[in-house]
């Protein structure tokens, strides 16, 4: 009986090590969708997919960028996205521009202010991120990965865009 218990404990520890599970606020095991994701070199030079203004609690301006695989898939309308797709989300304060408003003679101009709400990436790898529908998600705050509590919210939130391969953005030609 002790041998069975030892083997079971060993199996569970090994499984936890290889699948990198962590616990969310609900104490249910959640897959770690950040495994191996680092800030890609040169991402700021990637082509623009779209821009967005998020209101409410976020209240930011966003630029959505994509690597070559992402841009090709967006332009061709290809879904699901191919493995190797990387989508970046940059966000800034939604700030009024006194200089521009002065030129226009009224309050109407808003620009990107200070960086806000972290730097986010989605990485498509259907094998590596099978437990999160083929996507890895990560947010970096000041160059460091955010907490697992932040990352545990990504895949569930993106379920709302399941019909678009879990991607909210659409291509703005």
Protein backbone atom coordinates (compact mmCIF):
# COMPACT_ATOMS: atom_id res chain seq x y z
CA UNK A 1 0.00 0.00 0.00
CA UNK A 2 2.87 2.38 0.83
CA UNK A 3 4.37 1.63 -2.58
CA UNK A 4 1.09 2.55 -4.32
CA UNK A 5 0.86 5.80 -2.34
CA UNK A 6 4.49 6.67 -3.14
CA UNK A 7 3.98 5.97 -6.85
CA UNK A 8 0.79 8.04 -6.91
CA UNK A 9 2.49 10.97 -5.14
CA UNK A 10 5.47 10.73 -7.48
CA UNK A 11 3.20 10.68 -10.54
CA UNK A 12 1.28 13.73 -9.35
CA UNK A 13 4.47 15.69 -8.64
CA UNK A 14 5.90 14.75 -12.02
CA UNK A 15 2.67 15.66 -13.83
CA UNK A 16 2.57 19.02 -12.05
CA UNK A 17 6.17 19.70 -13.02
CA UNK A 18 5.67 18.98 -16.71
CA UNK A 19 2.29 20.67 -17.16
CA UNK A 20 3.21 23.67 -14.95
CA UNK A 21 -0.17 24.00 -13.24
CA UNK A 22 -0.85 26.90 -10.93
CA UNK A 23 -3.90 27.81 -8.87
CA UNK A 24 -6.28 30.64 -9.51
CA UNK A 25 -8.34 32.53 -6.97
CA UNK A 26 -10.95 29.76 -7.16
CA UNK A 27 -8.29 27.16 -6.17
CA UNK A 28 -8.98 25.12 -9.29
CA UNK A 29 -5.91 24.02 -11.23
CA UNK A 30 -5.35 26.24 -14.24
CA UNK A 31 -2.88 25.61 -17.06
CA UNK A 32 0.09 27.95 -17.08
CA UNK A 33 -0.33 29.63 -20.45
CA UNK A 34 2.89 31.63 -20.10
CA UNK A 35 5.39 28.79 -20.44
CA UNK A 36 8.41 30.03 -22.35
CA UNK A 37 6.96 33.35 -23.53
CA UNK A 38 9.47 36.19 -23.52
CA UNK A 39 9.26 39.67 -25.03
CA UNK A 40 10.07 39.10 -28.71
CA UNK A 41 13.01 41.17 -29.95
CA UNK A 42 11.95 43.85 -32.43
CA UNK A 43 8.21 43.59 -31.70
CA UNK A 44 7.90 47.40 -31.83
CA UNK A 45 8.77 47.20 -35.54
CA UNK A 46 5.95 44.74 -36.32
CA UNK A 47 3.14 45.89 -38.62
CA UNK A 48 -0.01 47.40 -37.15
CA UNK A 49 -3.10 45.18 -37.10
CA UNK A 50 -5.48 47.72 -35.58
CA UNK A 51 -5.94 50.38 -32.91
CA UNK A 52 -8.59 50.55 -30.22
CA UNK A 53 -9.88 52.78 -27.46
CA UNK A 54 -11.06 50.83 -24.43
CA UNK A 55 -13.35 52.68 -22.04
CA UNK A 56 -14.54 51.77 -18.55
CA UNK A 57 -11.99 50.52 -16.04
CA UNK A 58 -9.28 50.19 -18.71
CA UNK A 59 -9.69 53.62 -20.37
CA UNK A 60 -6.71 53.27 -22.67
CA UNK A 61 -5.57 53.59 -26.27
CA UNK A 62 -4.21 50.36 -27.78
CA UNK A 63 -2.08 49.36 -30.69
CA UNK A 64 -2.31 45.74 -31.79
CA UNK A 65 0.80 44.55 -33.65
CA UNK A 66 1.58 41.22 -35.29
CA UNK A 67 4.54 39.21 -36.45
CA UNK A 68 4.72 38.04 -40.08
CA UNK A 69 2.54 34.97 -39.47
CA UNK A 70 -0.13 37.09 -37.76
CA UNK A 71 -0.20 39.75 -40.48
CA UNK A 72 -0.46 37.18 -43.27
CA UNK A 73 -3.32 35.39 -41.48
CA UNK A 74 -5.18 38.65 -40.76
CA UNK A 75 -4.82 39.87 -44.36
CA UNK A 76 -6.00 36.55 -45.82
CA UNK A 77 -8.77 36.16 -43.24
CA UNK A 78 -7.24 32.80 -42.29
CA UNK A 79 -8.70 31.18 -39.17
CA UNK A 80 -7.57 29.40 -37.19
CA UNK A 81 -4.30 31.29 -36.97
CA UNK A 82 -1.22 29.17 -37.78
CA UNK A 83 1.26 28.08 -35.14
CA UNK A 84 3.95 30.72 -34.78
CA UNK A 85 1.46 33.61 -34.80
CA UNK A 86 2.30 36.28 -32.22
CA UNK A 87 0.00 39.20 -31.47
CA UNK A 88 1.17 42.09 -29.27
CA UNK A 89 -1.01 44.58 -27.40
CA UNK A 90 0.49 47.90 -26.29
CA UNK A 91 -1.62 50.33 -24.25
CA UNK A 92 -1.33 53.93 -23.11
CA UNK A 93 -3.35 56.43 -21.10
CA UNK A 94 -6.06 58.08 -23.17
CA UNK A 95 -4.87 61.68 -22.78
CA UNK A 96 -6.23 65.00 -23.98
CA UNK A 97 -3.80 67.00 -26.11
CA UNK A 98 -3.82 70.68 -25.11
CA UNK A 99 -1.53 71.53 -28.04
CA UNK A 100 -3.82 69.91 -30.60
CA UNK A 101 -6.98 71.25 -28.94
CA UNK A 102 -5.53 74.77 -29.12
CA UNK A 103 -4.97 74.34 -32.87
CA UNK A 104 -8.54 73.06 -33.35
CA UNK A 105 -10.05 75.72 -31.09
CA UNK A 106 -11.93 73.13 -29.01
CA UNK A 107 -11.43 69.99 -26.91
CA UNK A 108 -11.41 67.17 -29.46
CA UNK A 109 -7.94 65.65 -29.62
CA UNK A 110 -6.71 62.69 -27.59
CA UNK A 111 -3.31 61.03 -27.82
CA UNK A 112 -1.36 58.18 -26.28
CA UNK A 113 -0.04 59.19 -22.86
CA UNK A 114 1.95 57.06 -20.42
CA UNK A 115 2.15 53.27 -20.95
CA UNK A 116 -0.68 51.52 -19.13
CA UNK A 117 -2.07 48.05 -18.37
CA UNK A 118 1.13 46.20 -19.25
CA UNK A 119 2.50 44.80 -22.48
CA UNK A 120 0.61 41.70 -23.62
CA UNK A 121 1.35 38.90 -26.08
CA UNK A 122 -0.64 35.99 -27.48
CA UNK A 123 1.45 33.17 -28.95
CA UNK A 124 -0.11 30.40 -31.05
CA UNK A 125 1.31 26.91 -30.45
CA UNK A 126 -1.43 24.28 -30.56
CA UNK A 127 0.69 21.60 -28.90
CA UNK A 128 2.42 23.64 -26.21
CA UNK A 129 -0.75 25.51 -25.21
CA UNK A 130 -3.33 22.79 -25.89
CA UNK A 131 -4.96 23.35 -22.48
CA UNK A 132 -5.67 27.00 -23.38
CA UNK A 133 -7.08 26.35 -26.85
CA UNK A 134 -3.70 26.65 -28.58
CA UNK A 135 -2.78 30.10 -27.31
CA UNK A 136 -0.21 31.19 -24.74
CA UNK A 137 -0.89 34.49 -23.01
CA UNK A 138 1.46 36.74 -21.07
CA UNK A 139 1.44 40.26 -19.69
CA UNK A 140 4.64 42.08 -18.82
CA UNK A 141 4.66 44.92 -16.34
CA UNK A 142 7.87 46.97 -16.54
CA UNK A 143 9.59 44.12 -18.39
CA UNK A 144 8.64 41.37 -15.92
CA UNK A 145 5.83 38.79 -16.29
CA UNK A 146 2.71 39.69 -14.31
CA UNK A 147 1.45 37.36 -11.59
CA UNK A 148 -0.23 34.03 -12.29
CA UNK A 149 -3.47 35.58 -11.00
CA UNK A 150 -3.36 38.02 -13.94
CA UNK A 151 -2.52 35.29 -16.46
CA UNK A 152 -5.27 32.99 -15.15
CA UNK A 153 -7.84 35.49 -16.47
CA UNK A 154 -6.59 35.54 -20.09
CA UNK A 155 -7.88 32.29 -21.60
CA UNK A 156 -11.32 32.50 -19.91
CA UNK A 157 -11.76 36.08 -21.15
CA UNK A 158 -10.79 35.13 -24.71
CA UNK A 159 -13.54 32.46 -24.78
CA UNK A 160 -15.85 35.29 -25.88
CA UNK A 161 -13.93 35.37 -29.20
CA UNK A 162 -13.92 31.60 -29.74
CA UNK A 163 -15.45 31.94 -33.23
CA UNK A 164 -12.47 34.11 -34.25
CA UNK A 165 -9.86 31.69 -32.84
CA UNK A 166 -9.94 33.53 -29.50
CA UNK A 167 -8.68 36.82 -30.99
CA UNK A 168 -10.72 39.97 -30.34
CA UNK A 169 -9.04 42.19 -32.94
CA UNK A 170 -9.94 42.44 -36.57
CA UNK A 171 -7.60 43.69 -39.26
CA UNK A 172 -7.81 47.40 -40.15
CA UNK A 173 -6.44 47.65 -43.70
